[in-house]
Amino acid sequence: MKAIWNGVVVAESDDTVVVEGNHYFPAAALKQEYVVGSNHRTMCSWKGEASYHSLLVNGDLNPDAVWTYADPKEAAAQIKGRVAFWKGVKVVA
């Protein structure tokens, strides 16, 4: 699977976990040269607290386009150490 934004592959892995229709990539698959920090957080009742990262590709910023659950609840243990995408990031085979 590949995560593509602004014409650039920002993550790539054959090892993804699908939860609620989202592919969760291993965190190591995320290309750090495109990652910018974010203080944004959200709470999911069954997964726990999500933290976000932004993407900076070719001078364009996609705020909070990447999320991760650093310490998910037990029901979502399979996504620990993984990242997922939204906000126009295309995930393709």
N, C-alpha and C. Protein backbone atom coordinates (compact mmCIF):
# COMPACT_ATOMS: atom_id res chain seq x y z
N MET A 1 0.84 -1.18 0.00
CA MET A 1 0.00 0.00 0.00
C MET A 1 0.88 1.24 0.00
N LYS A 2 0.38 2.29 -0.61
CA LYS A 2 1.08 3.57 -0.64
C LYS A 2 0.13 4.67 -0.18
N ALA A 3 0.66 5.61 0.60
CA ALA A 3 -0.06 6.82 0.95
C ALA A 3 0.57 7.95 0.15
N ILE A 4 -0.24 8.65 -0.64
CA ILE A 4 0.28 9.67 -1.56
C ILE A 4 -0.43 10.98 -1.30
N TRP A 5 0.37 12.03 -1.17
CA TRP A 5 -0.21 13.37 -1.06
C TRP A 5 0.63 14.35 -1.86
N ASN A 6 -0.03 15.21 -2.59
CA ASN A 6 0.63 16.22 -3.39
C ASN A 6 1.62 15.60 -4.37
N GLY A 7 1.26 14.42 -4.89
CA GLY A 7 2.08 13.75 -5.89
C GLY A 7 3.28 13.00 -5.36
N VAL A 8 3.40 12.88 -4.03
CA VAL A 8 4.56 12.25 -3.42
C VAL A 8 4.11 11.10 -2.52
N VAL A 9 4.83 9.98 -2.57
CA VAL A 9 4.57 8.86 -1.67
C VAL A 9 5.13 9.24 -0.29
N VAL A 10 4.23 9.37 0.68
CA VAL A 10 4.66 9.76 2.03
C VAL A 10 4.79 8.57 2.97
N ALA A 11 4.23 7.41 2.54
CA ALA A 11 4.38 6.16 3.30
C ALA A 11 4.14 5.01 2.35
N GLU A 12 4.83 3.89 2.62
CA GLU A 12 4.67 2.71 1.77
C GLU A 12 4.96 1.47 2.60
N SER A 13 4.05 0.48 2.52
CA SER A 13 4.24 -0.77 3.25
C SER A 13 3.28 -1.83 2.74
N ASP A 14 3.72 -3.09 2.79
CA ASP A 14 2.84 -4.22 2.50
C ASP A 14 2.14 -4.70 3.77
N ASP A 15 2.48 -4.08 4.90
CA ASP A 15 1.96 -4.49 6.21
C ASP A 15 1.05 -3.39 6.76
N THR A 16 -0.22 -3.40 6.35
CA THR A 16 -1.17 -2.44 6.91
C THR A 16 -2.27 -3.20 7.65
N VAL A 17 -2.87 -2.52 8.60
CA VAL A 17 -4.00 -3.05 9.35
C VAL A 17 -5.18 -2.14 9.05
N VAL A 18 -6.30 -2.70 8.63
CA VAL A 18 -7.47 -1.90 8.29
C VAL A 18 -8.44 -1.88 9.47
N VAL A 19 -8.73 -0.67 9.94
CA VAL A 19 -9.71 -0.45 11.01
C VAL A 19 -10.62 0.68 10.57
N GLU A 20 -11.92 0.43 10.60
CA GLU A 20 -12.92 1.42 10.20
C GLU A 20 -12.64 1.99 8.80
N GLY A 21 -12.14 1.14 7.90
CA GLY A 21 -11.89 1.56 6.53
C GLY A 21 -10.59 2.29 6.31
N ASN A 22 -9.81 2.50 7.37
CA ASN A 22 -8.53 3.20 7.26
C ASN A 22 -7.37 2.22 7.33
N HIS A 23 -6.42 2.38 6.42
CA HIS A 23 -5.20 1.56 6.46
C HIS A 23 -4.23 2.19 7.45
N TYR A 24 -3.82 1.43 8.44
CA TYR A 24 -2.81 1.86 9.42
C TYR A 24 -1.48 1.26 9.00
N PHE A 25 -0.55 2.13 8.67
CA PHE A 25 0.80 1.75 8.25
C PHE A 25 1.71 1.67 9.47
N PRO A 26 2.74 0.83 9.42
CA PRO A 26 3.74 0.89 10.50
C PRO A 26 4.33 2.31 10.54
N ALA A 27 4.55 2.82 11.74
CA ALA A 27 5.08 4.19 11.87
C ALA A 27 6.38 4.36 11.10
N ALA A 28 7.19 3.31 11.03
CA ALA A 28 8.47 3.39 10.32
C ALA A 28 8.29 3.57 8.81
N ALA A 29 7.10 3.28 8.30
CA ALA A 29 6.84 3.44 6.86
C ALA A 29 6.61 4.90 6.48
N LEU A 30 6.31 5.74 7.46
CA LEU A 30 6.07 7.16 7.22
C LEU A 30 7.40 7.87 6.97
N LYS A 31 7.53 8.51 5.83
CA LYS A 31 8.78 9.18 5.46
C LYS A 31 8.91 10.48 6.25
N GLN A 32 9.83 10.47 7.20
CA GLN A 32 9.95 11.56 8.17
C GLN A 32 10.31 12.91 7.54
N GLU A 33 10.88 12.89 6.35
CA GLU A 33 11.24 14.17 5.71
C GLU A 33 10.01 15.00 5.35
N TYR A 34 8.82 14.38 5.38
CA TYR A 34 7.58 15.09 5.05
C TYR A 34 6.72 15.39 6.28
N VAL A 35 7.19 15.02 7.46
CA VAL A 35 6.39 15.13 8.68
C VAL A 35 6.72 16.40 9.45
N VAL A 36 5.66 17.09 9.87
CA VAL A 36 5.77 18.28 10.70
C VAL A 36 4.91 18.03 11.94
N GLY A 37 5.41 18.43 13.08
CA GLY A 37 4.68 18.20 14.33
C GLY A 37 3.37 18.96 14.41
N SER A 38 2.51 18.48 15.28
CA SER A 38 1.22 19.12 15.55
C SER A 38 0.85 18.86 17.00
N ASN A 39 0.16 19.79 17.61
CA ASN A 39 -0.31 19.60 18.97
C ASN A 39 -1.75 19.08 19.02
N HIS A 40 -2.35 18.84 17.85
CA HIS A 40 -3.75 18.43 17.79
C HIS A 40 -3.94 17.03 18.38
N ARG A 41 -5.03 16.87 19.14
CA ARG A 41 -5.39 15.59 19.75
C ARG A 41 -6.90 15.41 19.63
N THR A 42 -7.32 14.15 19.52
CA THR A 42 -8.75 13.84 19.59
C THR A 42 -8.91 12.59 20.45
N MET A 43 -10.14 12.33 20.88
CA MET A 43 -10.42 11.16 21.70
C MET A 43 -11.46 10.29 21.01
N CYS A 44 -11.19 9.01 20.95
CA CYS A 44 -12.13 8.02 20.43
C CYS A 44 -12.56 7.14 21.60
N SER A 45 -13.85 6.87 21.68
CA SER A 45 -14.35 6.12 22.83
C SER A 45 -13.78 4.71 22.92
N TRP A 46 -13.46 4.08 21.78
CA TRP A 46 -12.96 2.71 21.88
C TRP A 46 -11.49 2.54 21.53
N LYS A 47 -10.89 3.56 20.88
CA LYS A 47 -9.46 3.47 20.53
C LYS A 47 -8.57 4.25 21.49
N GLY A 48 -9.08 5.32 22.07
CA GLY A 48 -8.29 6.14 22.98
C GLY A 48 -7.93 7.48 22.36
N GLU A 49 -6.82 8.06 22.82
CA GLU A 49 -6.41 9.38 22.35
C GLU A 49 -5.52 9.28 21.11
N ALA A 50 -5.91 10.04 20.10
CA ALA A 50 -5.11 10.12 18.87
C ALA A 50 -4.30 11.41 18.88
N SER A 51 -3.07 11.31 18.42
CA SER A 51 -2.25 12.50 18.21
C SER A 51 -1.99 12.61 16.71
N TYR A 52 -1.72 13.81 16.27
CA TYR A 52 -1.64 14.10 14.83
C TYR A 52 -0.29 14.67 14.43
N HIS A 53 0.00 14.52 13.14
CA HIS A 53 1.16 15.12 12.50
C HIS A 53 0.65 15.79 11.22
N SER A 54 1.35 16.79 10.77
CA SER A 54 1.04 17.44 9.50
C SER A 54 2.03 16.97 8.45
N LEU A 55 1.67 17.15 7.20
CA LEU A 55 2.56 16.82 6.09
C LEU A 55 2.99 18.10 5.39
N LEU A 56 4.26 18.18 5.05
CA LEU A 56 4.80 19.30 4.28
C LEU A 56 5.49 18.71 3.06
N VAL A 57 4.84 18.90 1.90
CA VAL A 57 5.32 18.30 0.65
C VAL A 57 5.37 19.38 -0.42
N ASN A 58 6.53 19.54 -1.03
CA ASN A 58 6.71 20.53 -2.10
C ASN A 58 6.24 21.92 -1.70
N GLY A 59 6.48 22.27 -0.45
CA GLY A 59 6.13 23.59 0.05
C GLY A 59 4.68 23.75 0.48
N ASP A 60 3.86 22.70 0.33
CA ASP A 60 2.46 22.76 0.72
C ASP A 60 2.25 22.01 2.04
N LEU A 61 1.49 22.62 2.94
CA LEU A 61 1.21 22.03 4.25
C LEU A 61 -0.19 21.42 4.27
N ASN A 62 -0.28 20.20 4.78
CA ASN A 62 -1.55 19.52 5.00
C ASN A 62 -1.66 19.29 6.51
N PRO A 63 -2.31 20.22 7.22
CA PRO A 63 -2.34 20.16 8.68
C PRO A 63 -3.08 18.93 9.20
N ASP A 64 -2.47 18.28 10.18
CA ASP A 64 -3.11 17.17 10.91
C ASP A 64 -3.60 16.05 10.00
N ALA A 65 -2.88 15.77 8.94
CA ALA A 65 -3.29 14.77 7.95
C ALA A 65 -2.94 13.34 8.34
N VAL A 66 -2.12 13.19 9.38
CA VAL A 66 -1.67 11.88 9.83
C VAL A 66 -2.06 11.73 11.29
N TRP A 67 -2.59 10.56 11.65
CA TRP A 67 -2.87 10.35 13.08
C TRP A 67 -2.33 9.02 13.55
N THR A 68 -2.14 8.94 14.86
CA THR A 68 -1.63 7.72 15.48
C THR A 68 -2.19 7.61 16.89
N TYR A 69 -2.29 6.38 17.36
CA TYR A 69 -2.68 6.11 18.74
C TYR A 69 -1.46 5.52 19.43
N ALA A 70 -0.74 6.37 20.17
CA ALA A 70 0.50 5.93 20.82
C ALA A 70 0.23 4.87 21.88
N ASP A 71 -0.89 4.99 22.56
CA ASP A 71 -1.23 4.05 23.63
C ASP A 71 -2.72 3.72 23.52
N PRO A 72 -3.09 2.95 22.49
CA PRO A 72 -4.52 2.67 22.28
C PRO A 72 -5.10 1.80 23.38
N LYS A 73 -6.42 1.87 23.49
CA LYS A 73 -7.12 0.98 24.41
C LYS A 73 -6.96 -0.46 23.91
N GLU A 74 -7.23 -1.42 24.79
CA GLU A 74 -7.02 -2.84 24.47
C GLU A 74 -7.77 -3.28 23.20
N ALA A 75 -8.96 -2.76 22.99
CA ALA A 75 -9.75 -3.14 21.81
C ALA A 75 -9.08 -2.74 20.49
N ALA A 76 -8.17 -1.77 20.55
CA ALA A 76 -7.49 -1.28 19.35
C ALA A 76 -5.99 -1.56 19.39
N ALA A 77 -5.59 -2.55 20.15
CA ALA A 77 -4.16 -2.84 20.32
C ALA A 77 -3.43 -3.07 19.00
N GLN A 78 -4.16 -3.55 17.98
CA GLN A 78 -3.52 -3.86 16.70
C GLN A 78 -3.02 -2.63 15.96
N ILE A 79 -3.42 -1.42 16.38
CA ILE A 79 -2.95 -0.21 15.68
C ILE A 79 -1.86 0.53 16.45
N LYS A 80 -1.41 -0.03 17.56
CA LYS A 80 -0.30 0.59 18.31
C LYS A 80 0.93 0.63 17.41
N GLY A 81 1.61 1.79 17.39
CA GLY A 81 2.81 1.93 16.57
C GLY A 81 2.53 2.09 15.09
N ARG A 82 1.29 2.49 14.75
CA ARG A 82 0.90 2.64 13.35
C ARG A 82 0.32 4.03 13.11
N VAL A 83 0.30 4.43 11.85
CA VAL A 83 -0.24 5.74 11.45
C VAL A 83 -1.27 5.55 10.35
N ALA A 84 -2.24 6.46 10.32
CA ALA A 84 -3.25 6.47 9.26
C ALA A 84 -3.38 7.89 8.71
N PHE A 85 -4.11 8.02 7.60
CA PHE A 85 -4.14 9.27 6.86
C PHE A 85 -5.55 9.70 6.51
N TRP A 86 -5.73 10.99 6.30
CA TRP A 86 -6.96 11.56 5.78
C TRP A 86 -6.64 12.89 5.16
N LYS A 87 -7.62 13.77 4.97
CA LYS A 87 -7.44 15.10 4.41
C LYS A 87 -6.78 15.07 3.02
N GLY A 88 -7.30 14.23 2.16
CA GLY A 88 -6.82 14.21 0.78
C GLY A 88 -5.64 13.30 0.51
N VAL A 89 -5.12 12.63 1.53
CA VAL A 89 -4.04 11.66 1.31
C VAL A 89 -4.69 10.41 0.71
N LYS A 90 -4.23 10.01 -0.46
CA LYS A 90 -4.78 8.85 -1.14
C LYS A 90 -4.00 7.60 -0.73
N VAL A 91 -4.73 6.56 -0.35
CA VAL A 91 -4.11 5.28 -0.01
C VAL A 91 -4.48 4.31 -1.13
N VAL A 92 -3.46 3.80 -1.82
CA VAL A 92 -3.66 2.94 -2.98
C VAL A 92 -2.79 1.71 -2.89
N ALA A 93 -3.22 0.67 -3.60
CA ALA A 93 -2.46 -0.59 -3.63
C ALA A 93 -1.28 -0.46 -4.58
